[in-house]
PDB file of all heavy atoms in Angstrom:
ATOM      1  N   ASN A   1      93.660 117.308  99.958  1.00  0.00           N
ATOM      2  CA  ASN A   1      93.973 118.685 100.378  1.00  0.00           C
ATOM      3  C   ASN A   1      95.323 119.153  99.839  1.00  0.00           C
ATOM      4  O   ASN A   1      95.652 120.316  99.962  1.00  0.00           O
ATOM      5  CB  ASN A   1      94.008 118.786 101.897  1.00  0.00           C
ATOM      6  CG  ASN A   1      92.631 118.540 102.491  1.00  0.00           C
ATOM      7  OD1 ASN A   1      91.629 118.764 101.851  1.00  0.00           O
ATOM      8  ND2 ASN A   1      92.619 118.065 103.725  1.00  0.00           N
ATOM      9  N   LEU A   2      96.104 118.270  99.221  1.00  0.00           N
ATOM     10  CA  LEU A   2      97.432 118.647  98.765  1.00  0.00           C
ATOM     11  C   LEU A   2      97.397 119.700  97.661  1.00  0.00           C
ATOM     12  O   LEU A   2      98.325 120.474  97.521  1.00  0.00           O
ATOM     13  CB  LEU A   2      98.186 117.400  98.259  1.00  0.00           C
ATOM     14  CG  LEU A   2      98.617 116.424  99.343  1.00  0.00           C
ATOM     15  CD1 LEU A   2      99.345 115.231  98.717  1.00  0.00           C
ATOM     16  CD2 LEU A   2      99.499 117.080 100.400  1.00  0.00           C
ATOM     17  N   LYS A   3      96.332 119.764  96.894  1.00  0.00           N
ATOM     18  CA  LYS A   3      96.239 120.714  95.802  1.00  0.00           C
ATOM     19  C   LYS A   3      96.207 122.144  96.303  1.00  0.00           C
ATOM     20  O   LYS A   3      96.570 123.067  95.587  1.00  0.00           O
ATOM     21  CB  LYS A   3      94.998 120.423  94.969  1.00  0.00           C
ATOM     22  CG  LYS A   3      95.042 119.094  94.271  1.00  0.00           C
ATOM     23  CD  LYS A   3      93.723 118.801  93.579  1.00  0.00           C
ATOM     24  CE  LYS A   3      93.748 117.364  93.102  1.00  0.00           C
ATOM     25  NZ  LYS A   3      92.450 116.903  92.705  1.00  0.00           N
ATOM     26  N   THR A   4      95.773 122.352  97.554  1.00  0.00           N
ATOM     27  CA  THR A   4      95.656 123.702  98.086  1.00  0.00           C
ATOM     28  C   THR A   4      96.884 124.148  98.877  1.00  0.00           C
ATOM     29  O   THR A   4      96.939 125.271  99.322  1.00  0.00           O
ATOM     30  CB  THR A   4      94.417 123.804  98.991  1.00  0.00           C
ATOM     31  OG1 THR A   4      94.569 122.904 100.093  1.00  0.00           O
ATOM     32  CG2 THR A   4      93.152 123.473  98.226  1.00  0.00           C
ATOM     33  N   LEU A   5      97.858 123.275  99.039  1.00  0.00           N
ATOM     34  CA  LEU A   5      99.064 123.630  99.803  1.00  0.00           C
ATOM     35  C   LEU A   5     100.007 124.496  98.979  1.00  0.00           C
ATOM     36  O   LEU A   5     100.144 124.265  97.762  1.00  0.00           O
ATOM     37  CB  LEU A   5      99.822 122.371 100.231  1.00  0.00           C
ATOM     38  CG  LEU A   5      99.226 121.544 101.360  1.00  0.00           C
ATOM     39  CD1 LEU A   5     100.068 120.270 101.551  1.00  0.00           C
ATOM     40  CD2 LEU A   5      99.170 122.332 102.648  1.00  0.00           C
ATOM     41  N   PRO A   6     100.681 125.426  99.637  1.00  0.00           N
ATOM     42  CA  PRO A   6     101.732 126.150  98.922  1.00  0.00           C
ATOM     43  C   PRO A   6     102.832 125.178  98.461  1.00  0.00           C
ATOM     44  O   PRO A   6     103.014 124.111  99.066  1.00  0.00           O
ATOM     45  CB  PRO A   6     102.285 127.112  99.974  1.00  0.00           C
ATOM     46  CG  PRO A   6     101.247 127.164 101.042  1.00  0.00           C
ATOM     47  CD  PRO A   6     100.493 125.880 100.993  1.00  0.00           C
ATOM     48  N   ASP A   7     103.536 125.524  97.410  1.00  0.00           N
ATOM     49  CA  ASP A   7     104.555 124.636  96.833  1.00  0.00           C
ATOM     50  C   ASP A   7     105.559 124.163  97.866  1.00  0.00           C
ATOM     51  O   ASP A   7     105.982 123.015  97.854  1.00  0.00           O
ATOM     52  CB  ASP A   7     105.266 125.326  95.677  1.00  0.00           C
ATOM     53  CG  ASP A   7     104.355 125.472  94.447  1.00  0.00           C
ATOM     54  OD1 ASP A   7     103.346 124.724  94.370  1.00  0.00           O
ATOM     55  OD2 ASP A   7     104.656 126.337  93.594  1.00  0.00           O
ATOM     56  N   GLU A   8     105.991 125.054  98.758  1.00  0.00           N
ATOM     57  CA  GLU A   8     107.009 124.690  99.745  1.00  0.00           C
ATOM     58  C   GLU A   8     106.487 123.600 100.675  1.00  0.00           C
ATOM     59  O   GLU A   8     107.196 122.621 100.958  1.00  0.00           O
ATOM     60  CB  GLU A   8     107.400 125.922 100.562  1.00  0.00           C
ATOM     61  CG  GLU A   8     108.485 125.656 101.586  1.00  0.00           C
ATOM     62  CD  GLU A   8     108.852 126.909 102.368  1.00  0.00           C
ATOM     63  OE1 GLU A   8     108.710 128.016 101.835  1.00  0.00           O
ATOM     64  OE2 GLU A   8     109.264 126.741 103.521  1.00  0.00           O
ATOM     65  N   LEU A   9     105.254 123.725 101.160  1.00  0.00           N
ATOM     66  CA  LEU A   9     104.679 122.699 102.029  1.00  0.00           C
ATOM     67  C   LEU A   9     104.442 121.406 101.275  1.00  0.00           C
ATOM     68  O   LEU A   9     104.638 120.314 101.820  1.00  0.00           O
ATOM     69  CB  LEU A   9     103.383 123.207 102.653  1.00  0.00           C
ATOM     70  CG  LEU A   9     103.542 124.309 103.702  1.00  0.00           C
ATOM     71  CD1 LEU A   9     102.174 124.762 104.183  1.00  0.00           C
ATOM     72  CD2 LEU A   9     104.397 123.842 104.873  1.00  0.00           C
ATOM     73  N   LEU A  10     104.010 121.517 100.053  1.00  0.00           N
ATOM     74  CA  LEU A  10     103.797 120.321  99.223  1.00  0.00           C
ATOM     75  C   LEU A  10     105.107 119.569  99.032  1.00  0.00           C
ATOM     76  O   LEU A  10     105.160 118.343  99.181  1.00  0.00           O
ATOM     77  CB  LEU A  10     103.188 120.709  97.881  1.00  0.00           C
ATOM     78  CG  LEU A  10     102.883 119.561  96.923  1.00  0.00           C
ATOM     79  CD1 LEU A  10     101.923 118.574  97.563  1.00  0.00           C
ATOM     80  CD2 LEU A  10     102.301 120.116  95.630  1.00  0.00           C
ATOM     81  N   ALA A  11     106.182 120.286  98.745  1.00  0.00           N
ATOM     82  CA  ALA A  11     107.495 119.656  98.556  1.00  0.00           C
ATOM     83  C   ALA A  11     107.939 118.994  99.845  1.00  0.00           C
ATOM     84  O   ALA A  11     108.487 117.886  99.841  1.00  0.00           O
ATOM     85  CB  ALA A  11     108.512 120.689  98.097  1.00  0.00           C
ATOM     86  N   ASN A  12     107.720 119.653 100.974  1.00  0.00           N
ATOM     87  CA  ASN A  12     108.083 119.079 102.278  1.00  0.00           C
ATOM     88  C   ASN A  12     107.285 117.811 102.549  1.00  0.00           C
ATOM     89  O   ASN A  12     107.843 116.817 103.017  1.00  0.00           O
ATOM     90  CB  ASN A  12     107.870 120.114 103.393  1.00  0.00           C
ATOM     91  CG  ASN A  12     108.419 119.645 104.712  1.00  0.00           C
ATOM     92  OD1 ASN A  12     109.541 119.111 104.768  1.00  0.00           O
ATOM     93  ND2 ASN A  12     107.629 119.805 105.752  1.00  0.00           N
ATOM     94  N   ASP A  13     106.002 117.820 102.245  1.00  0.00           N
ATOM     95  CA  ASP A  13     105.161 116.641 102.435  1.00  0.00           C
ATOM     96  C   ASP A  13     105.673 115.486 101.569  1.00  0.00           C
ATOM     97  O   ASP A  13     105.749 114.350 102.033  1.00  0.00           O
ATOM     98  CB  ASP A  13     103.706 116.964 102.080  1.00  0.00           C
ATOM     99  CG  ASP A  13     102.789 115.794 102.288  1.00  0.00           C
ATOM    100  OD1 ASP A  13     102.618 115.386 103.469  1.00  0.00           O
ATOM    101  OD2 ASP A  13     102.244 115.266 101.295  1.00  0.00           O
ATOM    102  N   GLN A  14     106.057 115.770 100.351  1.00  0.00           N
ATOM    103  CA  GLN A  14     106.576 114.729  99.470  1.00  0.00           C
ATOM    104  C   GLN A  14     107.911 114.173  99.974  1.00  0.00           C
ATOM    105  O   GLN A  14     108.159 112.994  99.905  1.00  0.00           O
ATOM    106  CB  GLN A  14     106.691 115.277  98.058  1.00  0.00           C
ATOM    107  CG  GLN A  14     105.336 115.511  97.417  1.00  0.00           C
ATOM    108  CD  GLN A  14     105.414 116.282  96.107  1.00  0.00           C
ATOM    109  OE1 GLN A  14     106.395 116.958  95.812  1.00  0.00           O
ATOM    110  NE2 GLN A  14     104.349 116.190  95.313  1.00  0.00           N
ATOM    111  N   ARG A  15     108.784 115.075 100.487  1.00  0.00           N
ATOM    112  CA  ARG A  15     110.070 114.615 101.052  1.00  0.00           C
ATOM    113  C   ARG A  15     109.845 113.703 102.251  1.00  0.00           C
ATOM    114  O   ARG A  15     110.521 112.685 102.404  1.00  0.00           O
ATOM    115  CB  ARG A  15     110.929 115.824 101.460  1.00  0.00           C
ATOM    116  CG  ARG A  15     111.689 116.463 100.327  1.00  0.00           C
ATOM    117  CD  ARG A  15     112.764 117.414 100.839  1.00  0.00           C
ATOM    118  NE  ARG A  15     112.242 118.467 101.705  1.00  0.00           N
ATOM    119  CZ  ARG A  15     111.752 119.617 101.285  1.00  0.00           C
ATOM    120  NH1 ARG A  15     111.701 119.888 100.001  1.00  0.00           N
ATOM    121  NH2 ARG A  15     111.288 120.514 102.138  1.00  0.00           N
ATOM    122  N   MET A  16     108.896 114.048 103.119  1.00  0.00           N
ATOM    123  CA  MET A  16     108.611 113.221 104.288  1.00  0.00           C
ATOM    124  C   MET A  16     108.068 111.872 103.866  1.00  0.00           C
ATOM    125  O   MET A  16     108.421 110.840 104.436  1.00  0.00           O
ATOM    126  CB  MET A  16     107.643 113.919 105.244  1.00  0.00           C
ATOM    127  CG  MET A  16     108.270 115.067 105.991  1.00  0.00           C
ATOM    128  SD  MET A  16     107.256 115.745 107.314  1.00  0.00           S
ATOM    129  CE  MET A  16     105.719 116.072 106.529  1.00  0.00           C
ATOM    130  N   ALA A  17     107.208 111.853 102.868  1.00  0.00           N
ATOM    131  CA  ALA A  17     106.652 110.595 102.374  1.00  0.00           C
ATOM    132  C   ALA A  17     107.745 109.705 101.808  1.00  0.00           C
ATOM    133  O   ALA A  17     107.790 108.495 102.082  1.00  0.00           O
ATOM    134  CB  ALA A  17     105.573 110.856 101.337  1.00  0.00           C
ATOM    135  N   LEU A  18     108.645 110.271 101.061  1.00  0.00           N
ATOM    136  CA  LEU A  18     109.757 109.494 100.496  1.00  0.00           C
ATOM    137  C   LEU A  18     110.699 109.007 101.597  1.00  0.00           C
ATOM    138  O   LEU A  18     111.166 107.858 101.552  1.00  0.00           O
ATOM    139  CB  LEU A  18     110.545 110.356  99.499  1.00  0.00           C
ATOM    140  CG  LEU A  18     109.899 110.566  98.145  1.00  0.00           C
ATOM    141  CD1 LEU A  18     110.726 111.552  97.308  1.00  0.00           C
ATOM    142  CD2 LEU A  18     109.721 109.245  97.411  1.00  0.00           C
ATOM    143  N   ALA A  19     110.966 109.825 102.585  1.00  0.00           N
ATOM    144  CA  ALA A  19     111.853 109.434 103.659  1.00  0.00           C
ATOM    145  C   ALA A  19     111.278 108.250 104.442  1.00  0.00           C
ATOM    146  O   ALA A  19     111.985 107.317 104.802  1.00  0.00           O
ATOM    147  CB  ALA A  19     112.114 110.621 104.603  1.00  0.00           C
ATOM    148  N   SER A  20     109.981 108.288 104.699  1.00  0.00           N
ATOM    149  CA  SER A  20     109.368 107.178 105.443  1.00  0.00           C
ATOM    150  C   SER A  20     109.353 105.907 104.601  1.00  0.00           C
ATOM    151  O   SER A  20     109.438 104.800 105.141  1.00  0.00           O
ATOM    152  CB  SER A  20     107.979 107.535 105.926  1.00  0.00           C
ATOM    153  OG  SER A  20     107.100 107.715 104.841  1.00  0.00           O
ATOM    154  N   ASP A  21     109.250 106.031 103.301  1.00  0.00           N
ATOM    155  CA  ASP A  21     109.309 104.848 102.421  1.00  0.00           C
ATOM    156  C   ASP A  21     110.702 104.246 102.406  1.00  0.00           C
ATOM    157  O   ASP A  21     110.857 103.022 102.318  1.00  0.00           O
ATOM    158  CB  ASP A  21     108.903 105.209 100.992  1.00  0.00           C
ATOM    159  CG  ASP A  21     107.409 105.481 100.848  1.00  0.00           C
ATOM    160  OD1 ASP A  21     106.653 105.116 101.764  1.00  0.00           O
ATOM    161  OD2 ASP A  21     107.034 106.092  99.836  1.00  0.00           O
ATOM    162  N   ASN A  22     111.723 105.095 102.473  1.00  0.00           N
ATOM    163  CA  ASN A  22     113.108 104.631 102.362  1.00  0.00           C
ATOM    164  C   ASN A  22     113.679 104.152 103.701  1.00  0.00           C
ATOM    165  O   ASN A  22     114.717 103.501 103.712  1.00  0.00           O
ATOM    166  CB  ASN A  22     113.997 105.734 101.803  1.00  0.00           C
ATOM    167  CG  ASN A  22     113.645 106.055 100.365  1.00  0.00           C
ATOM    168  OD1 ASN A  22     113.160 105.194  99.641  1.00  0.00           O
ATOM    169  ND2 ASN A  22     113.875 107.281  99.955  1.00  0.00           N
ATOM    170  N   LYS A  23     113.082 104.512 104.812  1.00  0.00           N
ATOM    171  CA  LYS A  23     113.613 104.150 106.123  1.00  0.00           C
ATOM    172  C   LYS A  23     112.515 103.509 106.958  1.00  0.00           C
ATOM    173  O   LYS A  23     111.919 104.166 107.822  1.00  0.00           O
ATOM    174  CB  LYS A  23     114.184 105.385 106.834  1.00  0.00           C
ATOM    175  CG  LYS A  23     115.353 105.986 106.125  1.00  0.00           C
ATOM    176  CD  LYS A  23     115.864 107.181 106.851  1.00  0.00           C
ATOM    177  CE  LYS A  23     116.992 107.815 106.052  1.00  0.00           C
ATOM    178  NZ  LYS A  23     117.452 109.062 106.636  1.00  0.00           N
ATOM    179  N   PRO A  24     112.236 102.238 106.736  1.00  0.00           N
ATOM    180  CA  PRO A  24     111.162 101.604 107.510  1.00  0.00           C
ATOM    181  C   PRO A  24     111.572 101.477 108.977  1.00  0.00           C
ATOM    182  O   PRO A  24     112.768 101.535 109.317  1.00  0.00           O
ATOM    183  CB  PRO A  24     111.046 100.230 106.857  1.00  0.00           C
ATOM    184  CG  PRO A  24     112.358  99.997 106.205  1.00  0.00           C
ATOM    185  CD  PRO A  24     112.876 101.343 105.813  1.00  0.00           C
ATOM    186  N   LEU A  25     110.595 101.316 109.830  1.00  0.00           N
ATOM    187  CA  LEU A  25     110.864 101.129 111.256  1.00  0.00           C
ATOM    188  C   LEU A  25     111.654  99.857 111.483  1.00  0.00           C
ATOM    189  O   LEU A  25     111.449  98.859 110.807  1.00  0.00           O
ATOM    190  CB  LEU A  25     109.545 101.022 112.033  1.00  0.00           C
ATOM    191  CG  LEU A  25     108.687 102.271 112.103  1.00  0.00           C
ATOM    192  CD1 LEU A  25     107.362 101.960 112.755  1.00  0.00           C
ATOM    193  CD2 LEU A  25     109.394 103.376 112.854  1.00  0.00           C
ATOM    194  N   LYS A  26     112.564  99.914 112.455  1.00  0.00           N
ATOM    195  CA  LYS A  26     113.346  98.724 112.780  1.00  0.00           C
ATOM    196  C   LYS A  26     112.480  97.836 113.669  1.00  0.00           C
ATOM    197  O   LYS A  26     112.013  98.259 114.719  1.00  0.00           O
ATOM    198  CB  LYS A  26     114.618  99.111 113.498  1.00  0.00           C
ATOM    199  CG  LYS A  26     115.398  97.898 113.970  1.00  0.00           C
ATOM    200  CD  LYS A  26     116.864  98.186 114.021  1.00  0.00           C
ATOM    201  CE  LYS A  26     117.629  97.016 114.547  1.00  0.00           C
ATOM    202  NZ  LYS A  26     117.878  96.005 113.561  1.00  0.00           N
ATOM    203  N   ILE A  27     112.278  96.645 113.223  1.00  0.00           N
ATOM    204  CA  ILE A  27     111.479  95.689 113.996  1.00  0.00           C
ATOM    205  C   ILE A  27     112.394  94.540 114.368  1.00  0.00           C
ATOM    206  O   ILE A  27     113.071  93.965 113.539  1.00  0.00           O
ATOM    207  CB  ILE A  27     110.279  95.173 113.159  1.00  0.00           C
ATOM    208  CG1 ILE A  27     109.371  96.356 112.824  1.00  0.00           C
ATOM    209  CG2 ILE A  27     109.540  94.087 113.914  1.00  0.00           C
ATOM    210  CD1 ILE A  27     108.248  96.006 111.898  1.00  0.00           C
ATOM    211  N   LEU A  28     112.431  94.240 115.661  1.00  0.00           N
ATOM    212  CA  LEU A  28     113.251  93.145 116.153  1.00  0.00           C
ATOM    213  C   LEU A  28     112.518  91.845 115.867  1.00  0.00           C
ATOM    214  O   LEU A  28     111.459  91.587 116.432  1.00  0.00           O
ATOM    215  CB  LEU A  28     113.490  93.314 117.660  1.00  0.00           C
ATOM    216  CG  LEU A  28     114.099  94.653 118.092  1.00  0.00           C
ATOM    217  CD1 LEU A  28     114.139  94.744 119.605  1.00  0.00           C
ATOM    218  CD2 LEU A  28     115.459  94.813 117.516  1.00  0.00           C
ATOM    219  N   SER A  29     113.063  91.045 114.954  1.00  0.00           N
ATOM    220  CA  SER A  29     112.316  89.870 114.518  1.00  0.00           C
ATOM    221  C   SER A  29     113.013  88.566 114.854  1.00  0.00           C
ATOM    222  O   SER A  29     112.343  87.536 114.972  1.00  0.00           O
ATOM    223  CB  SER A  29     112.014  89.943 113.036  1.00  0.00           C
ATOM    224  OG  SER A  29     113.210  90.084 112.305  1.00  0.00           O
ATOM    225  N   THR A  30     114.316  88.579 115.006  1.00  0.00           N
ATOM    226  CA  THR A  30     115.011  87.307 115.301  1.00  0.00           C
ATOM    227  C   THR A  30     115.419  87.263 116.756  1.00  0.00           C
ATOM    228  O   THR A  30     115.517  88.310 117.422  1.00  0.00           O
ATOM    229  CB  THR A  30     116.268  87.137 114.426  1.00  0.00           C
ATOM    230  OG1 THR A  30     117.220  88.149 114.797  1.00  0.00           O
ATOM    231  CG2 THR A  30     115.945  87.255 112.941  1.00  0.00           C
ATOM    232  N   ASP A  31     115.653  86.070 117.265  1.00  0.00           N
ATOM    233  CA  ASP A  31     116.117  85.935 118.639  1.00  0.00           C
ATOM    234  C   ASP A  31     117.427  86.668 118.856  1.00  0.00           C
ATOM    235  O   ASP A  31     117.656  87.234 119.921  1.00  0.00           O
ATOM    236  CB  ASP A  31     116.272  84.453 119.012  1.00  0.00           C
ATOM    237  CG  ASP A  31     114.937  83.737 119.198  1.00  0.00           C
ATOM    238  OD1 ASP A  31     113.913  84.432 119.360  1.00  0.00           O
ATOM    239  OD2 ASP A  31     114.943  82.483 119.188  1.00  0.00           O
ATOM    240  N   GLU A  32     118.293  86.689 117.836  1.00  0.00           N
ATOM    241  CA  GLU A  32     119.572  87.375 117.955  1.00  0.00           C
ATOM    242  C   GLU A  32     119.367  88.890 118.129  1.00  0.00           C
ATOM    243  O   GLU A  32     120.025  89.520 118.951  1.00  0.00           O
ATOM    244  CB  GLU A  32     120.461  87.093 116.733  1.00  0.00           C
ATOM    245  CG  GLU A  32     120.952  85.660 116.662  1.00  0.00           C
ATOM    246  CD  GLU A  32     119.916  84.682 116.109  1.00  0.00           C
ATOM    247  OE1 GLU A  32     118.946  85.105 115.447  1.00  0.00           O
ATOM    248  OE2 GLU A  32     120.073  83.491 116.356  1.00  0.00           O
ATOM    249  N   GLU A  33     118.444  89.463 117.343  1.00  0.00           N
ATOM    250  CA  GLU A  33     118.143  90.883 117.459  1.00  0.00           C
ATOM    251  C   GLU A  33     117.522  91.186 118.820  1.00  0.00           C
ATOM    252  O   GLU A  33     117.850  92.205 119.446  1.00  0.00           O
ATOM    253  CB  GLU A  33     117.205  91.319 116.337  1.00  0.00           C
ATOM    254  CG  GLU A  33     117.841  91.318 114.982  1.00  0.00           C
ATOM    255  CD  GLU A  33     116.869  91.566 113.870  1.00  0.00           C
ATOM    256  OE1 GLU A  33     115.653  91.248 114.002  1.00  0.00           O
ATOM    257  OE2 GLU A  33     117.308  92.078 112.828  1.00  0.00           O
ATOM    258  N   LEU A  34     116.641  90.314 119.273  1.00  0.00           N
ATOM    259  CA  LEU A  34     116.021  90.503 120.585  1.00  0.00           C
ATOM    260  C   LEU A  34     117.071  90.434 121.698  1.00  0.00           C
ATOM    261  O   LEU A  34     117.042  91.234 122.634  1.00  0.00           O
ATOM    262  CB  LEU A  34     114.942  89.439 120.812  1.00  0.00           C
ATOM    263  CG  LEU A  34     113.721  89.540 119.896  1.00  0.00           C
ATOM    264  CD1 LEU A  34     112.832  88.322 120.057  1.00  0.00           C
ATOM    265  CD2 LEU A  34     112.931  90.799 120.151  1.00  0.00           C
ATOM    266  N   MET A  35     118.014  89.487 121.582  1.00  0.00           N
ATOM    267  CA  MET A  35     119.069  89.392 122.583  1.00  0.00           C
ATOM    268  C   MET A  35     119.976  90.613 122.588  1.00  0.00           C
ATOM    269  O   MET A  35     120.400  91.077 123.654  1.00  0.00           O
ATOM    270  CB  MET A  35     119.914  88.124 122.384  1.00  0.00           C
ATOM    271  CG  MET A  35     119.342  86.894 123.039  1.00  0.00           C
ATOM    272  SD  MET A  35     119.000  87.059 124.805  1.00  0.00           S
ATOM    273  CE  MET A  35     120.631  87.360 125.468  1.00  0.00           C
ATOM    274  N   ARG A  36     120.267  91.165 121.426  1.00  0.00           N
ATOM    275  CA  ARG A  36     121.074  92.391 121.381  1.00  0.00           C
ATOM    276  C   ARG A  36     120.364  93.523 122.114  1.00  0.00           C
ATOM    277  O   ARG A  36     120.979  94.309 122.821  1.00  0.00           O
ATOM    278  CB  ARG A  36     121.385  92.785 119.941  1.00  0.00           C
ATOM    279  CG  ARG A  36     122.556  92.032 119.363  1.00  0.00           C
ATOM    280  CD  ARG A  36     123.116  92.671 118.114  1.00  0.00           C
ATOM    281  NE  ARG A  36     122.165  92.757 117.014  1.00  0.00           N
ATOM    282  CZ  ARG A  36     121.971  91.795 116.105  1.00  0.00           C
ATOM    283  NH1 ARG A  36     122.666  90.673 116.171  1.00  0.00           N
ATOM    284  NH2 ARG A  36     121.114  91.968 115.146  1.00  0.00           N
TER     285      ARG A  36
END
């Protein structure tokens, strides 16, 4: 459906996709992180 979006919405969608790629969710994986 991206082909039918106005350029502004398409650019916003691309920015959101890049932001989520660059900032992964913080996952508590070590005992030290869990204790914090």
